[in-house]
Amino acid sequence: MKSIREIKVYQYGTGRFADPKNLTDDDRRCASEAFAKVRELIEGGECEVLIMDEVNLAASFGLVDRAEILEILRSRRPGIEVVLTGRNAPREFMRYADYVSYVDDRKHPYKKGERARQGVEW
């Protein structure tokens, strides 16, 4: 990472996995704050690459509005690359995307009973 300058990381979330059956006000607040930052970055033209980590899952949980994500994708200025990550990508995101990748865990420590590690899996 030393050779890559001007990387800015904005992290949002409660620090725990959001339970889609029991979303909290904190979950909703964090998602709202994160999406406000996305809008600010896109509308301000402050970035060339924007990675919205786990936004697909947030959309499938109803924490972010799919229509708003699509509007951001459609209205961004030319040259801004946007990467959406996470499981359960809505079909409309995939239809609009230039690239769709699927990551499959053919081998993973959790299959041997190892717990998720902070900084690696979360």
N, C-alpha and C. Protein backbone atom coordinates (compact mmCIF):
# COMPACT_ATOMS: atom_id res chain seq x y z
N MET A 1 0.81 -1.19 0.00
CA MET A 1 0.00 0.00 0.00
C MET A 1 0.86 1.26 0.00
N LYS A 2 2.13 1.15 0.29
CA LYS A 2 2.97 2.34 0.33
C LYS A 2 3.05 3.03 -1.02
N SER A 3 2.90 2.26 -2.12
CA SER A 3 3.03 2.85 -3.44
C SER A 3 1.72 3.50 -3.92
N ILE A 4 0.65 3.32 -3.19
CA ILE A 4 -0.63 3.89 -3.58
C ILE A 4 -0.91 5.09 -2.67
N ARG A 5 -0.96 6.25 -3.29
CA ARG A 5 -1.21 7.46 -2.51
C ARG A 5 -2.68 7.84 -2.56
N GLU A 6 -3.06 8.62 -1.59
CA GLU A 6 -4.38 9.23 -1.55
C GLU A 6 -5.53 8.24 -1.46
N ILE A 7 -5.32 7.17 -0.73
CA ILE A 7 -6.42 6.25 -0.44
C ILE A 7 -7.07 6.72 0.85
N LYS A 8 -8.37 6.91 0.79
CA LYS A 8 -9.11 7.31 1.97
C LYS A 8 -10.11 6.21 2.29
N VAL A 9 -10.16 5.82 3.54
CA VAL A 9 -11.08 4.79 3.97
C VAL A 9 -12.07 5.41 4.96
N TYR A 10 -13.34 5.24 4.66
CA TYR A 10 -14.40 5.69 5.55
C TYR A 10 -15.14 4.43 5.98
N GLN A 11 -15.13 4.16 7.26
CA GLN A 11 -15.74 2.94 7.76
C GLN A 11 -16.97 3.26 8.58
N TYR A 12 -18.03 2.55 8.30
CA TYR A 12 -19.29 2.74 9.01
C TYR A 12 -19.77 1.39 9.50
N GLY A 13 -20.65 1.39 10.42
CA GLY A 13 -21.19 0.14 10.94
C GLY A 13 -21.08 0.12 12.44
N THR A 14 -21.76 -0.84 13.02
CA THR A 14 -21.81 -0.94 14.47
C THR A 14 -20.67 -1.78 15.04
N GLY A 15 -19.93 -2.46 14.17
CA GLY A 15 -18.87 -3.34 14.65
C GLY A 15 -19.34 -4.77 14.87
N ARG A 16 -20.58 -5.02 14.55
CA ARG A 16 -21.11 -6.39 14.66
C ARG A 16 -21.94 -6.66 13.41
N PHE A 17 -22.21 -7.92 13.14
CA PHE A 17 -23.02 -8.30 11.99
C PHE A 17 -24.46 -7.88 12.22
N ALA A 18 -25.06 -7.28 11.25
CA ALA A 18 -26.47 -6.88 11.35
C ALA A 18 -27.36 -8.10 11.12
N ASP A 19 -28.27 -8.33 12.02
CA ASP A 19 -29.23 -9.43 11.90
C ASP A 19 -30.41 -8.94 11.09
N PRO A 20 -30.62 -9.47 9.88
CA PRO A 20 -31.70 -8.95 9.03
C PRO A 20 -33.09 -9.09 9.65
N LYS A 21 -33.25 -10.00 10.61
CA LYS A 21 -34.54 -10.18 11.25
C LYS A 21 -34.73 -9.25 12.44
N ASN A 22 -33.64 -8.64 12.89
CA ASN A 22 -33.70 -7.75 14.06
C ASN A 22 -32.81 -6.54 13.86
N LEU A 23 -33.05 -5.78 12.81
CA LEU A 23 -32.24 -4.60 12.55
C LEU A 23 -32.51 -3.56 13.63
N THR A 24 -31.45 -2.89 14.03
CA THR A 24 -31.57 -1.91 15.11
C THR A 24 -31.53 -0.49 14.54
N ASP A 25 -31.89 0.46 15.38
CA ASP A 25 -31.77 1.86 14.99
C ASP A 25 -30.33 2.21 14.67
N ASP A 26 -29.38 1.60 15.41
CA ASP A 26 -27.95 1.83 15.12
C ASP A 26 -27.58 1.32 13.74
N ASP A 27 -28.10 0.15 13.36
CA ASP A 27 -27.84 -0.39 12.01
C ASP A 27 -28.33 0.61 10.96
N ARG A 28 -29.53 1.09 11.13
CA ARG A 28 -30.11 2.03 10.17
C ARG A 28 -29.35 3.35 10.14
N ARG A 29 -28.98 3.85 11.31
CA ARG A 29 -28.23 5.10 11.39
C ARG A 29 -26.88 4.99 10.68
N CYS A 30 -26.16 3.90 10.94
CA CYS A 30 -24.85 3.71 10.31
C CYS A 30 -24.97 3.59 8.79
N ALA A 31 -25.98 2.87 8.32
CA ALA A 31 -26.19 2.73 6.87
C ALA A 31 -26.52 4.08 6.25
N SER A 32 -27.34 4.86 6.94
CA SER A 32 -27.71 6.19 6.43
C SER A 32 -26.50 7.11 6.36
N GLU A 33 -25.66 7.08 7.40
CA GLU A 33 -24.45 7.90 7.41
C GLU A 33 -23.49 7.48 6.31
N ALA A 34 -23.35 6.18 6.11
CA ALA A 34 -22.46 5.68 5.06
C ALA A 34 -22.95 6.12 3.68
N PHE A 35 -24.25 6.00 3.45
CA PHE A 35 -24.77 6.37 2.14
C PHE A 35 -24.67 7.88 1.91
N ALA A 36 -24.83 8.67 2.95
CA ALA A 36 -24.65 10.13 2.83
C ALA A 36 -23.22 10.44 2.39
N LYS A 37 -22.24 9.69 2.92
CA LYS A 37 -20.85 9.89 2.53
C LYS A 37 -20.64 9.49 1.07
N VAL A 38 -21.26 8.41 0.64
CA VAL A 38 -21.18 7.98 -0.76
C VAL A 38 -21.69 9.09 -1.67
N ARG A 39 -22.85 9.63 -1.34
CA ARG A 39 -23.41 10.74 -2.14
C ARG A 39 -22.44 11.91 -2.20
N GLU A 40 -21.90 12.28 -1.05
CA GLU A 40 -20.95 13.40 -0.98
C GLU A 40 -19.74 13.16 -1.88
N LEU A 41 -19.18 11.96 -1.83
CA LEU A 41 -18.00 11.64 -2.63
C LEU A 41 -18.31 11.62 -4.12
N ILE A 42 -19.42 11.02 -4.49
CA ILE A 42 -19.80 10.94 -5.90
C ILE A 42 -20.16 12.31 -6.45
N GLU A 43 -21.02 13.02 -5.75
CA GLU A 43 -21.47 14.32 -6.24
C GLU A 43 -20.35 15.35 -6.25
N GLY A 44 -19.41 15.22 -5.31
CA GLY A 44 -18.30 16.17 -5.25
C GLY A 44 -17.16 15.83 -6.18
N GLY A 45 -17.24 14.67 -6.84
CA GLY A 45 -16.19 14.25 -7.75
C GLY A 45 -14.86 14.05 -7.05
N GLU A 46 -14.91 13.64 -5.79
CA GLU A 46 -13.71 13.53 -4.97
C GLU A 46 -12.94 12.23 -5.14
N CYS A 47 -13.43 11.34 -5.98
CA CYS A 47 -12.74 10.06 -6.08
C CYS A 47 -12.78 9.55 -7.52
N GLU A 48 -11.84 8.67 -7.81
CA GLU A 48 -11.81 8.00 -9.11
C GLU A 48 -12.32 6.58 -8.98
N VAL A 49 -12.14 5.99 -7.79
CA VAL A 49 -12.62 4.64 -7.51
C VAL A 49 -13.34 4.69 -6.17
N LEU A 50 -14.54 4.15 -6.14
CA LEU A 50 -15.31 4.10 -4.91
C LEU A 50 -15.71 2.66 -4.66
N ILE A 51 -15.31 2.13 -3.53
CA ILE A 51 -15.66 0.75 -3.17
C ILE A 51 -16.68 0.81 -2.05
N MET A 52 -17.87 0.30 -2.33
CA MET A 52 -18.91 0.24 -1.31
C MET A 52 -18.96 -1.20 -0.80
N ASP A 53 -18.17 -1.45 0.21
CA ASP A 53 -18.03 -2.81 0.74
C ASP A 53 -19.31 -3.25 1.44
N GLU A 54 -19.79 -4.42 1.07
CA GLU A 54 -20.98 -5.06 1.64
C GLU A 54 -22.27 -4.31 1.38
N VAL A 55 -22.29 -3.43 0.38
CA VAL A 55 -23.52 -2.70 0.08
C VAL A 55 -24.60 -3.63 -0.48
N ASN A 56 -24.21 -4.69 -1.17
CA ASN A 56 -25.21 -5.63 -1.69
C ASN A 56 -25.99 -6.27 -0.55
N LEU A 57 -25.28 -6.66 0.50
CA LEU A 57 -25.93 -7.26 1.65
C LEU A 57 -26.80 -6.23 2.36
N ALA A 58 -26.29 -5.01 2.49
CA ALA A 58 -27.09 -3.94 3.11
C ALA A 58 -28.37 -3.69 2.33
N ALA A 59 -28.28 -3.75 1.00
CA ALA A 59 -29.47 -3.57 0.17
C ALA A 59 -30.44 -4.74 0.36
N SER A 60 -29.92 -5.96 0.44
CA SER A 60 -30.80 -7.11 0.61
C SER A 60 -31.47 -7.10 1.98
N PHE A 61 -30.83 -6.47 2.98
CA PHE A 61 -31.43 -6.34 4.31
C PHE A 61 -32.41 -5.16 4.39
N GLY A 62 -32.41 -4.31 3.37
CA GLY A 62 -33.27 -3.14 3.39
C GLY A 62 -32.66 -1.95 4.12
N LEU A 63 -31.36 -2.00 4.39
CA LEU A 63 -30.69 -0.89 5.08
C LEU A 63 -30.39 0.28 4.16
N VAL A 64 -30.26 0.01 2.88
CA VAL A 64 -30.07 1.07 1.89
C VAL A 64 -31.08 0.85 0.77
N ASP A 65 -31.50 1.93 0.18
CA ASP A 65 -32.51 1.89 -0.87
C ASP A 65 -31.86 1.53 -2.21
N ARG A 66 -32.31 0.45 -2.82
CA ARG A 66 -31.75 0.00 -4.10
C ARG A 66 -31.87 1.08 -5.17
N ALA A 67 -33.00 1.77 -5.19
CA ALA A 67 -33.21 2.82 -6.20
C ALA A 67 -32.18 3.94 -6.03
N GLU A 68 -31.83 4.26 -4.79
CA GLU A 68 -30.83 5.31 -4.56
C GLU A 68 -29.44 4.87 -5.02
N ILE A 69 -29.12 3.60 -4.80
CA ILE A 69 -27.83 3.08 -5.28
C ILE A 69 -27.78 3.16 -6.80
N LEU A 70 -28.85 2.72 -7.45
CA LEU A 70 -28.90 2.77 -8.92
C LEU A 70 -28.79 4.20 -9.43
N GLU A 71 -29.41 5.14 -8.76
CA GLU A 71 -29.32 6.54 -9.16
C GLU A 71 -27.88 7.04 -9.04
N ILE A 72 -27.21 6.65 -7.99
CA ILE A 72 -25.79 7.03 -7.82
C ILE A 72 -24.98 6.46 -8.99
N LEU A 73 -25.22 5.20 -9.31
CA LEU A 73 -24.47 4.56 -10.41
C LEU A 73 -24.74 5.26 -11.74
N ARG A 74 -25.98 5.58 -11.99
CA ARG A 74 -26.35 6.22 -13.26
C ARG A 74 -25.87 7.65 -13.38
N SER A 75 -25.83 8.37 -12.27
CA SER A 75 -25.55 9.80 -12.33
C SER A 75 -24.08 10.16 -12.09
N ARG A 76 -23.26 9.17 -11.80
CA ARG A 76 -21.85 9.50 -11.55
C ARG A 76 -21.19 10.03 -12.82
N ARG A 77 -20.21 10.87 -12.62
CA ARG A 77 -19.53 11.44 -13.78
C ARG A 77 -18.69 10.37 -14.46
N PRO A 78 -18.44 10.51 -15.74
CA PRO A 78 -17.59 9.53 -16.44
C PRO A 78 -16.22 9.44 -15.79
N GLY A 79 -15.71 8.24 -15.72
CA GLY A 79 -14.38 8.04 -15.16
C GLY A 79 -14.37 7.59 -13.72
N ILE A 80 -15.50 7.64 -13.03
CA ILE A 80 -15.55 7.14 -11.66
C ILE A 80 -15.92 5.65 -11.71
N GLU A 81 -15.03 4.84 -11.22
CA GLU A 81 -15.29 3.40 -11.14
C GLU A 81 -15.92 3.11 -9.78
N VAL A 82 -17.00 2.37 -9.78
CA VAL A 82 -17.69 2.02 -8.54
C VAL A 82 -17.70 0.50 -8.41
N VAL A 83 -17.30 0.03 -7.23
CA VAL A 83 -17.28 -1.41 -6.94
C VAL A 83 -18.26 -1.65 -5.81
N LEU A 84 -19.20 -2.56 -6.04
CA LEU A 84 -20.17 -2.96 -5.03
C LEU A 84 -19.82 -4.37 -4.59
N THR A 85 -19.66 -4.60 -3.29
CA THR A 85 -19.31 -5.94 -2.83
C THR A 85 -20.42 -6.49 -1.94
N GLY A 86 -20.34 -7.78 -1.69
CA GLY A 86 -21.25 -8.44 -0.77
C GLY A 86 -22.13 -9.47 -1.46
N ARG A 87 -22.63 -10.36 -0.65
CA ARG A 87 -23.54 -11.41 -1.15
C ARG A 87 -24.89 -10.81 -1.50
N ASN A 88 -25.68 -11.62 -2.18
CA ASN A 88 -27.07 -11.29 -2.48
C ASN A 88 -27.21 -10.00 -3.29
N ALA A 89 -26.34 -9.82 -4.26
CA ALA A 89 -26.44 -8.62 -5.11
C ALA A 89 -27.80 -8.61 -5.80
N PRO A 90 -28.52 -7.51 -5.67
CA PRO A 90 -29.81 -7.43 -6.36
C PRO A 90 -29.62 -7.54 -7.88
N ARG A 91 -30.55 -8.17 -8.55
CA ARG A 91 -30.45 -8.36 -10.00
C ARG A 91 -30.29 -7.05 -10.75
N GLU A 92 -30.98 -6.01 -10.29
CA GLU A 92 -30.87 -4.74 -11.00
C GLU A 92 -29.45 -4.17 -10.91
N PHE A 93 -28.73 -4.45 -9.83
CA PHE A 93 -27.34 -4.02 -9.75
C PHE A 93 -26.52 -4.78 -10.79
N MET A 94 -26.76 -6.08 -10.89
CA MET A 94 -25.99 -6.90 -11.83
C MET A 94 -26.31 -6.53 -13.28
N ARG A 95 -27.55 -6.19 -13.56
CA ARG A 95 -27.91 -5.77 -14.92
C ARG A 95 -27.21 -4.47 -15.30
N TYR A 96 -27.04 -3.59 -14.34
CA TYR A 96 -26.43 -2.30 -14.60
C TYR A 96 -24.90 -2.37 -14.61
N ALA A 97 -24.33 -3.34 -13.95
CA ALA A 97 -22.89 -3.43 -13.74
C ALA A 97 -22.12 -3.69 -15.04
N ASP A 98 -20.90 -3.18 -15.07
CA ASP A 98 -19.98 -3.53 -16.15
C ASP A 98 -19.33 -4.87 -15.89
N TYR A 99 -19.11 -5.18 -14.63
CA TYR A 99 -18.47 -6.43 -14.22
C TYR A 99 -19.28 -7.05 -13.08
N VAL A 100 -19.37 -8.37 -13.09
CA VAL A 100 -19.95 -9.10 -11.97
C VAL A 100 -19.03 -10.27 -11.69
N SER A 101 -18.55 -10.35 -10.46
CA SER A 101 -17.67 -11.45 -10.06
C SER A 101 -18.32 -12.21 -8.91
N TYR A 102 -18.01 -13.47 -8.84
CA TYR A 102 -18.52 -14.31 -7.77
C TYR A 102 -17.32 -14.94 -7.08
N VAL A 103 -17.22 -14.75 -5.78
CA VAL A 103 -16.12 -15.33 -5.01
C VAL A 103 -16.67 -16.55 -4.29
N ASP A 104 -16.04 -17.68 -4.52
CA ASP A 104 -16.48 -18.94 -3.94
C ASP A 104 -15.41 -19.45 -2.99
N ASP A 105 -15.80 -19.78 -1.78
CA ASP A 105 -14.83 -20.26 -0.80
C ASP A 105 -14.62 -21.77 -0.95
N ARG A 106 -13.70 -22.11 -1.81
CA ARG A 106 -13.37 -23.52 -2.03
C ARG A 106 -12.62 -24.10 -0.83
N LYS A 107 -11.89 -23.24 -0.15
CA LYS A 107 -11.16 -23.64 1.05
C LYS A 107 -11.16 -22.45 1.99
N HIS A 108 -11.57 -22.67 3.23
CA HIS A 108 -11.66 -21.56 4.18
C HIS A 108 -11.47 -22.12 5.59
N PRO A 109 -10.77 -21.38 6.45
CA PRO A 109 -10.54 -21.87 7.82
C PRO A 109 -11.81 -22.18 8.60
N TYR A 110 -12.93 -21.50 8.32
CA TYR A 110 -14.14 -21.76 9.09
C TYR A 110 -14.64 -23.19 8.85
N LYS A 111 -14.27 -23.79 7.71
CA LYS A 111 -14.69 -25.17 7.45
C LYS A 111 -13.98 -26.16 8.37
N LYS A 112 -12.87 -25.70 8.98
CA LYS A 112 -12.16 -26.52 9.97
C LYS A 112 -12.56 -26.14 11.39
N GLY A 113 -13.57 -25.28 11.51
CA GLY A 113 -14.06 -24.89 12.82
C GLY A 113 -13.40 -23.64 13.39
N GLU A 114 -12.54 -23.00 12.63
CA GLU A 114 -11.89 -21.79 13.13
C GLU A 114 -12.88 -20.63 13.12
N ARG A 115 -12.78 -19.79 14.13
CA ARG A 115 -13.66 -18.64 14.24
C ARG A 115 -13.20 -17.51 13.32
N ALA A 116 -14.12 -16.64 12.97
CA ALA A 116 -13.79 -15.47 12.15
C ALA A 116 -12.79 -14.59 12.92
N ARG A 117 -11.86 -14.00 12.19
CA ARG A 117 -10.81 -13.18 12.82
C ARG A 117 -11.00 -11.71 12.46
N GLN A 118 -10.90 -10.88 13.49
CA GLN A 118 -11.01 -9.44 13.26
C GLN A 118 -9.87 -8.99 12.36
N GLY A 119 -10.18 -8.18 11.37
CA GLY A 119 -9.18 -7.69 10.44
C GLY A 119 -9.00 -8.60 9.25
N VAL A 120 -9.59 -9.78 9.28
CA VAL A 120 -9.50 -10.71 8.15
C VAL A 120 -10.89 -10.97 7.58
N GLU A 121 -11.73 -11.62 8.35
CA GLU A 121 -13.10 -11.89 7.89
C GLU A 121 -14.05 -10.75 8.21
N TRP A 122 -13.71 -9.95 9.18
CA TRP A 122 -14.56 -8.80 9.53
C TRP A 122 -13.74 -7.69 10.09
